[in-house]
Amino acid sequence: MNHLRTLFGQKVREIRLSKEISQEELAFLCGLHRTYISDIERGTRNISLDNIQKISSALKVPPQKLFDFSTFQK
């Protein structure tokens, strides 16, 4: 599993939960399937730039916030 994908997925999950949005609701807001969101959060999906933009828009955060891993322990 790719470390960057894992960190990215953890960040998406962290932001999604902080906004009290379910995976299903996020998927609907993005126009993506719920299992795709689940795969992203588990780090098993290699996500495209287009879908990063969709997710950041749905979460109402700038795309770069999805790559801020400073909140995670090393």
PDB file of N, CA and C in Angstrom:
ATOM      1  N   MET A   1       0.839  -1.179   0.000  1.00  0.00           N
ATOM      2  CA  MET A   1       0.000   0.000   0.000  1.00  0.00           C
ATOM      3  C   MET A   1       0.887   1.246   0.000  1.00  0.00           C
ATOM      4  N   ASN A   2       0.488   2.240  -0.721  1.00  0.00           N
ATOM      5  CA  ASN A   2       1.246   3.473  -0.857  1.00  0.00           C
ATOM      6  C   ASN A   2       1.029   4.361   0.363  1.00  0.00           C
ATOM      7  N   HIS A   3       2.126   4.820   0.976  1.00  0.00           N
ATOM      8  CA  HIS A   3       2.057   5.636   2.187  1.00  0.00           C
ATOM      9  C   HIS A   3       1.308   6.951   1.945  1.00  0.00           C
ATOM     10  N   LEU A   4       1.546   7.601   0.815  1.00  0.00           N
ATOM     11  CA  LEU A   4       0.872   8.864   0.514  1.00  0.00           C
ATOM     12  C   LEU A   4      -0.636   8.653   0.381  1.00  0.00           C
ATOM     13  N   ARG A   5      -1.042   7.584  -0.276  1.00  0.00           N
ATOM     14  CA  ARG A   5      -2.475   7.290  -0.401  1.00  0.00           C
ATOM     15  C   ARG A   5      -3.105   7.056   0.968  1.00  0.00           C
ATOM     16  N   THR A   6      -2.377   6.380   1.846  1.00  0.00           N
ATOM     17  CA  THR A   6      -2.882   6.121   3.196  1.00  0.00           C
ATOM     18  C   THR A   6      -3.061   7.422   3.965  1.00  0.00           C
ATOM     19  N   LEU A   7      -2.061   8.289   3.926  1.00  0.00           N
ATOM     20  CA  LEU A   7      -2.151   9.577   4.613  1.00  0.00           C
ATOM     21  C   LEU A   7      -3.277  10.429   4.043  1.00  0.00           C
ATOM     22  N   PHE A   8      -3.384  10.453   2.721  1.00  0.00           N
ATOM     23  CA  PHE A   8      -4.440  11.224   2.073  1.00  0.00           C
ATOM     24  C   PHE A   8      -5.811  10.723   2.528  1.00  0.00           C
ATOM     25  N   GLY A   9      -5.985   9.416   2.538  1.00  0.00           N
ATOM     26  CA  GLY A   9      -7.252   8.836   2.967  1.00  0.00           C
ATOM     27  C   GLY A   9      -7.579   9.155   4.411  1.00  0.00           C
ATOM     28  N   GLN A  10      -6.574   9.115   5.271  1.00  0.00           N
ATOM     29  CA  GLN A  10      -6.784   9.470   6.671  1.00  0.00           C
ATOM     30  C   GLN A  10      -7.219  10.926   6.798  1.00  0.00           C
ATOM     31  N   LYS A  11      -6.635  11.782   5.978  1.00  0.00           N
ATOM     32  CA  LYS A  11      -6.990  13.207   6.030  1.00  0.00           C
ATOM     33  C   LYS A  11      -8.408  13.434   5.549  1.00  0.00           C
ATOM     34  N   VAL A  12      -8.797  12.774   4.471  1.00  0.00           N
ATOM     35  CA  VAL A  12     -10.177  12.895   3.982  1.00  0.00           C
ATOM     36  C   VAL A  12     -11.137  12.454   5.083  1.00  0.00           C
ATOM     37  N   ARG A  13     -10.850  11.313   5.710  1.00  0.00           N
ATOM     38  CA  ARG A  13     -11.711  10.803   6.787  1.00  0.00           C
ATOM     39  C   ARG A  13     -11.764  11.796   7.954  1.00  0.00           C
ATOM     40  N   GLU A  14     -10.615  12.331   8.341  1.00  0.00           N
ATOM     41  CA  GLU A  14     -10.561  13.281   9.461  1.00  0.00           C
ATOM     42  C   GLU A  14     -11.448  14.504   9.189  1.00  0.00           C
ATOM     43  N   ILE A  15     -11.324  15.068   8.004  1.00  0.00           N
ATOM     44  CA  ILE A  15     -12.113  16.256   7.664  1.00  0.00           C
ATOM     45  C   ILE A  15     -13.590  15.894   7.539  1.00  0.00           C
ATOM     46  N   ARG A  16     -13.873  14.776   6.895  1.00  0.00           N
ATOM     47  CA  ARG A  16     -15.268  14.348   6.726  1.00  0.00           C
ATOM     48  C   ARG A  16     -15.943  14.172   8.080  1.00  0.00           C
ATOM     49  N   LEU A  17     -15.276  13.496   9.007  1.00  0.00           N
ATOM     50  CA  LEU A  17     -15.856  13.271  10.329  1.00  0.00           C
ATOM     51  C   LEU A  17     -15.998  14.565  11.112  1.00  0.00           C
ATOM     52  N   SER A  18     -15.042  15.479  10.955  1.00  0.00           N
ATOM     53  CA  SER A  18     -15.126  16.760  11.664  1.00  0.00           C
ATOM     54  C   SER A  18     -16.330  17.572  11.198  1.00  0.00           C
ATOM     55  N   LYS A  19     -16.771  17.318   9.981  1.00  0.00           N
ATOM     56  CA  LYS A  19     -17.935  18.013   9.424  1.00  0.00           C
ATOM     57  C   LYS A  19     -19.214  17.188   9.576  1.00  0.00           C
ATOM     58  N   GLU A  20     -19.078  16.043  10.261  1.00  0.00           N
ATOM     59  CA  GLU A  20     -20.203  15.142  10.519  1.00  0.00           C
ATOM     60  C   GLU A  20     -20.939  14.750   9.243  1.00  0.00           C
ATOM     61  N   ILE A  21     -20.147  14.337   8.248  1.00  0.00           N
ATOM     62  CA  ILE A  21     -20.667  13.893   6.959  1.00  0.00           C
ATOM     63  C   ILE A  21     -20.378  12.394   6.830  1.00  0.00           C
ATOM     64  N   SER A  22     -21.370  11.629   6.429  1.00  0.00           N
ATOM     65  CA  SER A  22     -21.163  10.193   6.209  1.00  0.00           C
ATOM     66  C   SER A  22     -20.432   9.989   4.879  1.00  0.00           C
ATOM     67  N   GLN A  23     -19.881   8.793   4.706  1.00  0.00           N
ATOM     68  CA  GLN A  23     -19.259   8.461   3.424  1.00  0.00           C
ATOM     69  C   GLN A  23     -20.281   8.555   2.303  1.00  0.00           C
ATOM     70  N   GLU A  24     -21.483   8.102   2.581  1.00  0.00           N
ATOM     71  CA  GLU A  24     -22.540   8.127   1.566  1.00  0.00           C
ATOM     72  C   GLU A  24     -22.880   9.568   1.166  1.00  0.00           C
ATOM     73  N   GLU A  25     -22.981  10.452   2.150  1.00  0.00           N
ATOM     74  CA  GLU A  25     -23.286  11.854   1.854  1.00  0.00           C
ATOM     75  C   GLU A  25     -22.149  12.513   1.080  1.00  0.00           C
ATOM     76  N   LEU A  26     -20.903  12.243   1.489  1.00  0.00           N
ATOM     77  CA  LEU A  26     -19.761  12.802   0.770  1.00  0.00           C
ATOM     78  C   LEU A  26     -19.759  12.309  -0.674  1.00  0.00           C
ATOM     79  N   ALA A  27     -20.005  11.033  -0.859  1.00  0.00           N
ATOM     80  CA  ALA A  27     -20.045  10.468  -2.212  1.00  0.00           C
ATOM     81  C   ALA A  27     -21.101  11.176  -3.060  1.00  0.00           C
ATOM     82  N   PHE A  28     -22.272  11.399  -2.491  1.00  0.00           N
ATOM     83  CA  PHE A  28     -23.343  12.093  -3.205  1.00  0.00           C
ATOM     84  C   PHE A  28     -22.905  13.514  -3.580  1.00  0.00           C
ATOM     85  N   LEU A  29     -22.316  14.228  -2.630  1.00  0.00           N
ATOM     86  CA  LEU A  29     -21.877  15.605  -2.878  1.00  0.00           C
ATOM     87  C   LEU A  29     -20.801  15.681  -3.961  1.00  0.00           C
ATOM     88  N   CYS A  30     -19.993  14.624  -4.050  1.00  0.00           N
ATOM     89  CA  CYS A  30     -18.897  14.581  -5.036  1.00  0.00           C
ATOM     90  C   CYS A  30     -19.334  14.018  -6.377  1.00  0.00           C
ATOM     91  N   GLY A  31     -20.451  13.325  -6.399  1.00  0.00           N
ATOM     92  CA  GLY A  31     -20.847  12.623  -7.614  1.00  0.00           C
ATOM     93  C   GLY A  31     -20.034  11.356  -7.814  1.00  0.00           C
ATOM     94  N   LEU A  32     -19.583  10.763  -6.706  1.00  0.00           N
ATOM     95  CA  LEU A  32     -18.794   9.535  -6.739  1.00  0.00           C
ATOM     96  C   LEU A  32     -19.547   8.447  -5.985  1.00  0.00           C
ATOM     97  N   HIS A  33     -19.103   7.211  -6.119  1.00  0.00           N
ATOM     98  CA  HIS A  33     -19.744   6.098  -5.431  1.00  0.00           C
ATOM     99  C   HIS A  33     -19.218   5.993  -4.005  1.00  0.00           C
ATOM    100  N   ARG A  34     -20.069   5.538  -3.083  1.00  0.00           N
ATOM    101  CA  ARG A  34     -19.665   5.410  -1.680  1.00  0.00           C
ATOM    102  C   ARG A  34     -18.478   4.470  -1.512  1.00  0.00           C
ATOM    103  N   THR A  35     -18.444   3.387  -2.267  1.00  0.00           N
ATOM    104  CA  THR A  35     -17.315   2.464  -2.129  1.00  0.00           C
ATOM    105  C   THR A  35     -16.013   3.100  -2.609  1.00  0.00           C
ATOM    106  N   TYR A  36     -16.101   4.043  -3.545  1.00  0.00           N
ATOM    107  CA  TYR A  36     -14.914   4.773  -4.001  1.00  0.00           C
ATOM    108  C   TYR A  36     -14.380   5.622  -2.853  1.00  0.00           C
ATOM    109  N   ILE A  37     -15.267   6.300  -2.130  1.00  0.00           N
ATOM    110  CA  ILE A  37     -14.849   7.096  -0.969  1.00  0.00           C
ATOM    111  C   ILE A  37     -14.235   6.186   0.082  1.00  0.00           C
ATOM    112  N   SER A  38     -14.839   5.047   0.321  1.00  0.00           N
ATOM    113  CA  SER A  38     -14.298   4.079   1.272  1.00  0.00           C
ATOM    114  C   SER A  38     -12.893   3.634   0.862  1.00  0.00           C
ATOM    115  N   ASP A  39     -12.713   3.336  -0.419  1.00  0.00           N
ATOM    116  CA  ASP A  39     -11.390   2.929  -0.921  1.00  0.00           C
ATOM    117  C   ASP A  39     -10.357   4.041  -0.714  1.00  0.00           C
ATOM    118  N   ILE A  40     -10.755   5.274  -0.951  1.00  0.00           N
ATOM    119  CA  ILE A  40      -9.847   6.410  -0.749  1.00  0.00           C
ATOM    120  C   ILE A  40      -9.433   6.481   0.713  1.00  0.00           C
ATOM    121  N   GLU A  41     -10.402   6.404   1.601  1.00  0.00           N
ATOM    122  CA  GLU A  41     -10.120   6.527   3.029  1.00  0.00           C
ATOM    123  C   GLU A  41      -9.263   5.381   3.548  1.00  0.00           C
ATOM    124  N   ARG A  42      -9.340   4.226   2.933  1.00  0.00           N
ATOM    125  CA  ARG A  42      -8.506   3.089   3.334  1.00  0.00           C
ATOM    126  C   ARG A  42      -7.145   3.099   2.642  1.00  0.00           C
ATOM    127  N   GLY A  43      -6.955   4.023   1.712  1.00  0.00           N
ATOM    128  CA  GLY A  43      -5.674   4.134   1.030  1.00  0.00           C
ATOM    129  C   GLY A  43      -5.468   3.117  -0.066  1.00  0.00           C
ATOM    130  N   THR A  44      -6.539   2.517  -0.550  1.00  0.00           N
ATOM    131  CA  THR A  44      -6.401   1.491  -1.588  1.00  0.00           C
ATOM    132  C   THR A  44      -6.711   2.011  -2.981  1.00  0.00           C
ATOM    133  N   ARG A  45      -7.109   3.264  -3.072  1.00  0.00           N
ATOM    134  CA  ARG A  45      -7.484   3.842  -4.368  1.00  0.00           C
ATOM    135  C   ARG A  45      -6.468   4.910  -4.757  1.00  0.00           C
ATOM    136  N   ASN A  46      -5.990   4.841  -5.995  1.00  0.00           N
ATOM    137  CA  ASN A  46      -5.097   5.865  -6.537  1.00  0.00           C
ATOM    138  C   ASN A  46      -5.977   6.933  -7.178  1.00  0.00           C
ATOM    139  N   ILE A  47      -6.181   8.021  -6.473  1.00  0.00           N
ATOM    140  CA  ILE A  47      -7.178   9.025  -6.836  1.00  0.00           C
ATOM    141  C   ILE A  47      -6.627  10.016  -7.864  1.00  0.00           C
ATOM    142  N   SER A  48      -7.500  10.474  -8.751  1.00  0.00           N
ATOM    143  CA  SER A  48      -7.102  11.440  -9.773  1.00  0.00           C
ATOM    144  C   SER A  48      -7.189  12.868  -9.232  1.00  0.00           C
ATOM    145  N   LEU A  49      -6.526  13.775  -9.911  1.00  0.00           N
ATOM    146  CA  LEU A  49      -6.597  15.190  -9.533  1.00  0.00           C
ATOM    147  C   LEU A  49      -8.020  15.718  -9.639  1.00  0.00           C
ATOM    148  N   ASP A  50      -8.750  15.281 -10.645  1.00  0.00           N
ATOM    149  CA  ASP A  50     -10.145  15.712 -10.804  1.00  0.00           C
ATOM    150  C   ASP A  50     -10.976  15.325  -9.578  1.00  0.00           C
ATOM    151  N   ASN A  51     -10.774  14.111  -9.077  1.00  0.00           N
ATOM    152  CA  ASN A  51     -11.544  13.664  -7.924  1.00  0.00           C
ATOM    153  C   ASN A  51     -11.077  14.316  -6.628  1.00  0.00           C
ATOM    154  N   ILE A  52      -9.808  14.668  -6.549  1.00  0.00           N
ATOM    155  CA  ILE A  52      -9.325  15.445  -5.401  1.00  0.00           C
ATOM    156  C   ILE A  52     -10.056  16.782  -5.363  1.00  0.00           C
ATOM    157  N   GLN A  53     -10.221  17.398  -6.504  1.00  0.00           N
ATOM    158  CA  GLN A  53     -10.939  18.670  -6.583  1.00  0.00           C
ATOM    159  C   GLN A  53     -12.406  18.493  -6.179  1.00  0.00           C
ATOM    160  N   LYS A  54     -13.038  17.422  -6.636  1.00  0.00           N
ATOM    161  CA  LYS A  54     -14.435  17.165  -6.273  1.00  0.00           C
ATOM    162  C   LYS A  54     -14.583  16.996  -4.764  1.00  0.00           C
ATOM    163  N   ILE A  55     -13.673  16.249  -4.171  1.00  0.00           N
ATOM    164  CA  ILE A  55     -13.737  16.003  -2.726  1.00  0.00           C
ATOM    165  C   ILE A  55     -13.472  17.285  -1.948  1.00  0.00           C
ATOM    166  N   SER A  56     -12.474  18.051  -2.357  1.00  0.00           N
ATOM    167  CA  SER A  56     -12.182  19.298  -1.635  1.00  0.00           C
ATOM    168  C   SER A  56     -13.356  20.268  -1.744  1.00  0.00           C
ATOM    169  N   SER A  57     -13.989  20.323  -2.895  1.00  0.00           N
ATOM    170  CA  SER A  57     -15.168  21.190  -3.066  1.00  0.00           C
ATOM    171  C   SER A  57     -16.316  20.725  -2.174  1.00  0.00           C
ATOM    172  N   ALA A  58     -16.554  19.421  -2.142  1.00  0.00           N
ATOM    173  CA  ALA A  58     -17.643  18.881  -1.334  1.00  0.00           C
ATOM    174  C   ALA A  58     -17.403  19.112   0.157  1.00  0.00           C
ATOM    175  N   LEU A  59     -16.136  19.021   0.571  1.00  0.00           N
ATOM    176  CA  LEU A  59     -15.795  19.241   1.977  1.00  0.00           C
ATOM    177  C   LEU A  59     -15.610  20.728   2.302  1.00  0.00           C
ATOM    178  N   LYS A  60     -15.640  21.553   1.258  1.00  0.00           N
ATOM    179  CA  LYS A  60     -15.469  23.013   1.405  1.00  0.00           C
ATOM    180  C   LYS A  60     -14.135  23.360   2.048  1.00  0.00           C
ATOM    181  N   VAL A  61     -13.079  22.723   1.533  1.00  0.00           N
ATOM    182  CA  VAL A  61     -11.706  23.020   1.952  1.00  0.00           C
ATOM    183  C   VAL A  61     -10.852  23.153   0.694  1.00  0.00           C
ATOM    184  N   PRO A  62      -9.778  23.932   0.751  1.00  0.00           N
ATOM    185  CA  PRO A  62      -8.889  23.992  -0.407  1.00  0.00           C
ATOM    186  C   PRO A  62      -8.187  22.644  -0.597  1.00  0.00           C
ATOM    187  N   PRO A  63      -7.879  22.283  -1.831  1.00  0.00           N
ATOM    188  CA  PRO A  63      -7.239  20.982  -2.083  1.00  0.00           C
ATOM    189  C   PRO A  63      -5.977  20.758  -1.251  1.00  0.00           C
ATOM    190  N   GLN A  64      -5.189  21.807  -1.031  1.00  0.00           N
ATOM    191  CA  GLN A  64      -3.939  21.629  -0.280  1.00  0.00           C
ATOM    192  C   GLN A  64      -4.186  21.186   1.158  1.00  0.00           C
ATOM    193  N   LYS A  65      -5.357  21.489   1.715  1.00  0.00           N
ATOM    194  CA  LYS A  65      -5.661  21.048   3.082  1.00  0.00           C
ATOM    195  C   LYS A  65      -5.738  19.525   3.152  1.00  0.00           C
ATOM    196  N   LEU A  66      -6.103  18.890   2.051  1.00  0.00           N
ATOM    197  CA  LEU A  66      -6.172  17.428   2.027  1.00  0.00           C
ATOM    198  C   LEU A  66      -4.783  16.793   2.076  1.00  0.00           C
ATOM    199  N   PHE A  67      -3.759  17.610   1.872  1.00  0.00           N
ATOM    200  CA  PHE A  67      -2.377  17.124   1.917  1.00  0.00           C
ATOM    201  C   PHE A  67      -1.616  17.632   3.133  1.00  0.00           C
ATOM    202  N   ASP A  68      -2.311  18.228   4.092  1.00  0.00           N
ATOM    203  CA  ASP A  68      -1.682  18.712   5.328  1.00  0.00           C
ATOM    204  C   ASP A  68      -1.733  17.566   6.341  1.00  0.00           C
ATOM    205  N   PHE A  69      -0.645  16.841   6.444  1.00  0.00           N
ATOM    206  CA  PHE A  69      -0.583  15.683   7.315  1.00  0.00           C
ATOM    207  C   PHE A  69       0.061  16.016   8.659  1.00  0.00           C
ATOM    208  N   SER A  70       0.207  17.309   8.947  1.00  0.00           N
ATOM    209  CA  SER A  70       0.886  17.722  10.180  1.00  0.00           C
ATOM    210  C   SER A  70       0.082  17.375  11.434  1.00  0.00           C
ATOM    211  N   THR A  71      -1.203  17.070  11.281  1.00  0.00           N
ATOM    212  CA  THR A  71      -2.021  16.725  12.437  1.00  0.00           C
ATOM    213  C   THR A  71      -1.837  15.250  12.860  1.00  0.00           C
ATOM    214  N   PHE A  72      -1.112  14.484  12.066  1.00  0.00           N
ATOM    215  CA  PHE A  72      -0.905  13.064  12.354  1.00  0.00           C
ATOM    216  C   PHE A  72       0.389  12.868  13.116  1.00  0.00           C
ATOM    217  N   GLN A  73       0.384  11.880  14.022  1.00  0.00           N
ATOM    218  CA  GLN A  73       1.612  11.522  14.720  1.00  0.00           C
ATOM    219  C   GLN A  73       2.566  10.812  13.781  1.00  0.00           C
ATOM    220  N   LYS A  74       3.825  11.031  13.985  1.00  0.00           N
ATOM    221  CA  LYS A  74       4.831  10.393  13.123  1.00  0.00           C
ATOM    222  C   LYS A  74       5.277   9.077  13.680  1.00  0.00           C
TER     223      LYS A  74
END
